[in-house]
Structure formats: structure tokens, C-alpha cells
Protein backbone atom coordinates (compact mmCIF):
# COMPACT_ATOMS: atom_id res chain seq x y z
CA GLU A 1 138.55 108.19 104.68
CA ASP A 2 138.65 110.31 101.61
CA ASP A 3 137.56 113.65 103.15
CA LEU A 4 138.96 116.94 102.15
CA ILE A 5 140.09 119.00 105.42
CA LEU A 6 140.25 122.88 104.87
CA ASP A 7 142.08 125.01 107.38
CA PHE A 8 141.81 128.75 106.77
CA PHE A 9 144.36 129.57 109.57
CA ALA A 10 147.29 127.20 108.69
CA GLY A 11 149.79 128.57 110.98
CA SER A 12 152.70 126.18 111.31
CA GLY A 13 150.80 123.63 109.30
CA ALA A 14 149.67 121.33 112.14
CA THR A 15 146.40 120.33 110.27
CA GLY A 16 148.53 119.11 107.29
CA HIS A 17 150.76 117.21 109.57
CA ALA A 18 147.73 115.55 111.24
CA VAL A 19 146.13 114.58 108.06
CA SER A 20 149.33 112.96 106.69
CA SER A 21 149.65 111.09 109.92
CA MET A 22 146.38 109.80 109.82
CA ASN A 23 146.85 108.55 106.25
CA TYR A 24 150.07 106.83 107.32
CA GLU A 25 148.63 105.26 110.56
CA HIS A 26 145.18 104.19 109.14
CA GLY A 27 145.66 103.70 105.41
CA SER A 28 143.21 106.50 104.46
CA LYS A 29 143.53 108.87 101.64
CA ARG A 30 142.49 112.23 103.11
CA LYS A 31 143.43 115.36 101.60
CA TYR A 32 143.90 118.98 102.94
CA ILE A 33 143.99 122.54 101.89
CA LEU A 34 145.98 125.07 104.09
CA VAL A 35 145.54 128.76 103.76
CA GLN A 36 147.74 131.33 105.36
CA ILE A 37 147.90 135.05 104.83
CA GLY A 38 151.25 136.72 104.02
CA GLN A 39 152.17 137.47 107.58
CA GLY A 40 155.78 138.11 108.66
CA THR A 41 157.56 136.50 111.51
CA PRO A 42 158.91 138.72 114.37
CA GLU A 43 162.50 139.79 113.58
CA ASP A 44 163.55 138.64 117.24
CA SER A 45 161.96 135.15 116.77
CA GLU A 46 163.92 131.90 116.37
CA ALA A 47 161.86 131.22 113.16
CA PHE A 48 163.14 134.54 111.61
CA LYS A 49 166.68 133.77 112.71
CA ALA A 50 166.30 130.43 111.12
CA GLY A 51 165.29 131.97 107.69
CA PHE A 52 161.62 131.72 107.96
CA ARG A 53 160.42 135.23 106.91
CA GLN A 54 156.77 134.40 106.75
CA ILE A 55 154.54 132.05 108.79
CA SER A 56 153.72 130.43 105.48
CA ASP A 57 157.33 129.53 105.04
CA ILE A 58 156.97 127.44 108.27
CA THR A 59 153.74 125.87 107.16
CA ILE A 60 155.49 124.58 103.95
CA GLU A 61 158.64 123.43 105.73
CA ARG A 62 156.86 121.33 108.43
CA ASN A 63 154.66 119.54 106.00
CA LYS A 64 157.69 118.90 103.63
CA ARG A 65 159.57 117.43 106.62
CA CYS A 66 156.43 115.48 107.64
CA LEU A 67 156.12 113.87 104.24
CA GLU A 68 159.84 113.04 103.91
CA LYS A 69 159.45 111.27 107.27
CA PHE A 70 156.38 109.12 106.06
CA VAL A 71 157.53 108.52 102.61
CA GLY A 72 160.51 106.61 103.87
CA LYS A 73 158.35 104.39 106.03
CA VAL A 74 155.19 103.98 103.90
CA ASN A 75 156.32 101.17 101.64
CA LEU A 76 157.06 98.99 104.78
CA LYS A 77 153.79 99.65 106.37
CA ASN A 78 151.30 99.70 103.48
CA PRO A 79 152.80 99.65 100.15
CA GLU A 80 149.46 100.34 98.11
CA LEU A 81 148.64 103.26 100.15
CA PHE A 82 150.34 105.99 97.86
CA ALA A 83 150.92 103.94 94.70
CA ALA A 84 150.11 105.43 91.33
CA SER A 85 146.47 104.69 90.28
CA ASP A 86 144.01 105.47 87.56
CA ASP A 87 142.65 108.18 89.85
CA MET A 88 144.71 111.34 89.06
CA GLN A 89 143.78 112.79 92.64
CA ASP A 90 145.15 109.61 94.46
CA SER A 91 148.42 109.16 92.50
CA GLU A 92 150.91 111.08 94.66
CA PHE A 93 151.68 111.65 98.35
CA GLY A 94 152.64 115.30 98.45
CA PHE A 95 151.25 118.80 98.11
CA ARG A 96 151.43 121.80 95.96
CA VAL A 97 151.95 125.44 97.02
CA PHE A 98 150.04 128.44 95.45
CA THR A 99 150.34 132.03 96.01
CA LEU A 100 147.58 134.63 95.39
CA GLU A 101 148.66 137.05 92.74
CA LYS A 102 147.12 139.59 90.41
CA SER A 103 145.18 138.28 87.38
CA TYR A 104 146.89 138.08 83.87
CA PHE A 105 143.39 139.10 82.67
CA PRO A 106 142.70 142.25 84.67
CA ARG A 107 139.52 144.27 84.28
CA THR A 108 139.90 147.23 81.68
CA GLU A 109 141.21 150.17 83.54
CA TRP A 110 141.02 152.54 80.61
CA THR A 111 138.58 155.38 80.76
CA PRO A 112 138.57 158.53 78.41
CA ALA A 113 138.93 161.86 79.70
CA PRO A 114 135.71 163.99 79.12
CA GLU A 115 137.58 166.65 77.23
CA MET A 116 139.07 164.28 74.62
CA THR A 117 138.03 164.33 71.14
CA GLU A 118 136.88 161.04 69.40
CA GLU A 119 140.30 160.92 67.66
CA GLU A 120 142.07 161.32 70.98
CA LYS A 121 139.91 158.68 72.55
CA ILE A 122 140.69 156.15 69.97
CA ALA A 123 144.35 156.94 70.09
CA SER A 124 144.40 156.60 74.01
CA LEU A 125 142.43 153.26 73.70
CA LYS A 126 145.01 151.79 71.19
CA ALA A 127 147.96 152.86 73.45
CA TYR A 128 146.26 151.22 76.39
CA ILE A 129 145.75 148.08 74.38
CA ALA A 130 149.29 148.00 72.94
CA GLU A 131 150.79 148.47 76.40
CA LYS A 132 148.76 145.49 78.00
CA GLU A 133 149.58 143.25 75.04
CA ALA A 134 153.30 144.01 75.40
CA GLN A 135 153.08 143.31 79.13
CA HIS A 136 151.29 139.97 78.41
CA GLY A 137 153.61 139.00 75.64
CA LEU A 138 156.90 139.58 77.55
CA GLY A 139 156.18 139.45 81.27
CA PHE A 140 154.04 136.31 81.94
CA ASP A 141 155.01 133.06 83.72
CA LYS A 142 153.63 130.21 81.78
CA ASP A 143 153.04 127.97 84.85
CA LYS A 144 151.20 130.85 86.59
CA LEU A 145 149.19 131.67 83.35
CA LEU A 146 148.32 127.94 82.85
CA THR A 147 146.93 127.83 86.53
CA GLU A 148 144.81 130.76 86.12
CA VAL A 149 143.39 129.72 82.71
CA LEU A 150 142.56 126.27 84.06
CA ILE A 151 140.95 127.77 87.08
CA LYS A 152 138.73 129.90 84.77
CA GLU A 153 137.85 126.74 83.03
CA GLY A 154 136.80 124.96 86.32
CA PHE A 155 139.81 122.71 86.68
CA LYS A 156 140.97 121.51 90.17
CA LEU A 157 144.31 122.73 91.35
CA THR A 158 145.44 119.04 91.40
CA TYR A 159 145.71 119.18 87.56
CA LYS A 160 148.40 117.36 85.71
CA PHE A 161 149.67 117.94 82.33
CA GLU A 162 152.02 116.26 79.68
CA LYS A 163 153.58 117.70 76.58
CA LEU A 164 152.15 116.35 73.45
CA PRO A 165 155.25 115.10 71.04
CA ASP A 166 153.21 115.21 67.98
CA PHE A 167 153.22 119.09 68.00
CA THR A 168 156.76 120.08 67.14
CA GLU A 169 156.42 123.81 66.19
CA ASN A 170 154.34 124.85 69.35
CA GLU A 171 154.34 123.66 72.91
CA VAL A 172 151.03 121.92 73.30
CA LEU A 173 149.88 120.43 76.56
CA LYS A 174 147.43 117.66 77.51
CA VAL A 175 145.74 118.63 80.84
CA THR A 176 143.36 116.65 83.10
CA ASP A 177 142.31 116.76 86.70
CA GLY A 178 140.76 113.41 86.72
CA GLU A 179 137.50 114.77 85.73
CA LYS A 180 137.96 117.47 83.08
CA GLU A 181 140.46 117.33 80.20
CA ALA A 182 141.83 119.82 77.63
CA VAL A 183 144.49 120.62 75.27
CA VAL A 184 146.32 123.85 75.81
CA CYS A 185 148.77 126.00 74.07
CA LEU A 186 149.99 129.27 75.71
CA ASP A 187 152.52 130.32 72.94
CA THR A 188 151.89 133.89 71.82
CA THR A 189 152.37 132.81 68.08
CA LEU A 190 150.54 129.66 66.65
CA THR A 191 151.69 128.25 63.47
CA ASP A 192 149.46 127.10 60.60
CA THR A 193 150.51 123.45 61.05
CA THR A 194 149.64 123.50 64.82
CA ALA A 195 146.24 125.37 64.21
CA ASP A 196 145.31 122.75 61.60
CA ALA A 197 146.14 119.87 63.88
CA LEU A 198 144.15 121.37 66.72
CA ARG A 199 141.14 121.79 64.41
CA LYS A 200 141.04 117.99 64.21
CA LEU A 201 140.61 117.50 67.84
CA ILE A 202 136.79 117.66 67.82
CA ASP A 203 136.22 115.84 70.84
CA THR A 204 138.50 117.72 73.14
CA LYS A 205 138.45 121.14 74.66
CA VAL A 206 141.11 123.37 73.09
CA VAL A 207 142.41 126.40 74.91
CA VAL A 208 144.83 128.96 73.33
CA ILE A 209 146.07 132.43 73.76
CA GLU A 210 143.89 134.95 71.60
CA ARG A 211 146.71 137.08 70.65
CA ALA A 212 148.41 134.04 68.88
CA LEU A 213 145.51 133.91 66.48
CA ASP A 214 144.92 136.05 63.40
CA THR A 215 141.29 136.31 62.17
CA THR A 216 141.42 133.16 59.80
CA LYS A 217 142.93 130.90 62.45
CA LYS A 218 140.50 132.05 65.09
CA TRP A 219 137.43 131.58 62.78
CA ASN A 220 138.70 128.17 61.51
CA LEU A 221 139.13 126.89 65.08
CA HIS A 222 135.83 128.08 66.18
CA ASN A 223 134.09 126.74 63.25
CA SER A 224 135.63 123.27 63.65
CA LEU A 225 135.46 122.99 67.39
CA GLY A 226 132.48 125.01 68.37
CA GLU A 227 132.03 125.43 72.08
CA LYS A 228 135.15 123.22 72.72
CA PHE A 229 137.38 125.98 71.55
CA ARG A 230 138.46 128.72 74.13
CA ALA A 231 140.59 131.73 73.33
CA PHE A 232 141.89 133.88 76.31
């Protein structure tokens, strides 16, 4: 009744539809993961004409319509089935959509040319680092970056977060997936006030962006939090 069903060939999303139907009919709390490669729909198909350019668009739309159908009925049949609970994984009747993308933390692609002098190698490496830092500072999507950081920290994709109001100079989030918990700040600049407040969270994992830290802030956070401090 609480199984997790995985379908690596999602297609139109029939598996998700079936799981939601079973939950509605039997009062169960099954979950599903649907995986669909980025395969286009034929241009002469009814799906393409209806605006579905990829099969995954159909997967998503079918399951959205399925949920809309059942959400309207569920309170009449079983009002407790999808009610909020202390279990973060059972608190919503719905799904999230994730798309596979390149990492915000790619492997280093810089290699020095054999004919370079030591000075030229150092200059080339500094230029490479500056370029990557500029890309990271200006071009990242915070939601996507948060997801990748949490995956690296072992969080489930069903994580939830809330903004901590006590932090007014930086955006600081409290994140949990029902098992793991962390305080995360993805701002590229960390104020002294925020850093000092984070140092006091000795019982909580604290995750920040490394480029937001100078040497002193990084040392202080690591000294106060030990293994509970992570800088990406």
C-alpha cells in the first residue's frame, strides 16, 4: 500500500494514472517515478497538432488531468487519504517534474598546452577559473542549483523548504525531505551577520556557496560546525 513504482518507459504516463487511480479506489499511498527521454512527437500526429512537442509533454499533461479528476472527488470518498501529515512524503497529492541537465559543478576541463611556460600555464588557469566563476555567478537558476546541491547531499527529490524569516540580509532556507534536514544559503555573497548566525546552528547541517565566503568566514564556519558545514 505504500510501494514506490518505477517506470523507465513512461510514454503517455499510464503508470502514473494507474497508481493515482489505485490510491483513490483503495485508500493506498503508493508513489511513482516516471522516466521519459526527450523524444519528439511526429509532426503529422494529433499530439503535435495539439501542442505536445515531446512525448514527455503528454506524460505530464495526462497525469495533471488525472490528479485534477481525483482531487475533486477525494474529499467525498476518503477525506483522510491525502490530508497533510507529519510525514513529509505523504503530505501532498501531486507530482514534480525534473529535467536532466548539465551540472552546475562540472569536471575541470582545463589542461595546459605542452609548449606553455609556467607563467603562461598560471595565467591560462586563472582565466579559466574567472570564466567559470562568472558563469556561476550570473547564469545559475537557484531552484535548479538547490536541487543539485541537495542531491549531492543525499536528499530525496521530494524535499520541501521554507525561508527562515530571522535572516534578513541573505535568503536562508530550511530544507527537509522527512529524513534529512539542512539550512541552505545559495547567495553569492554572505554578510558577516548571516555568517555569525549560521555558526550558531551547531546541530544542523549548513550548506553555502563557496564563492560567497572569504577565508575568515570559511574558517570560522568550519571551526564552529565541523562536518556539518558544507561549501560548494
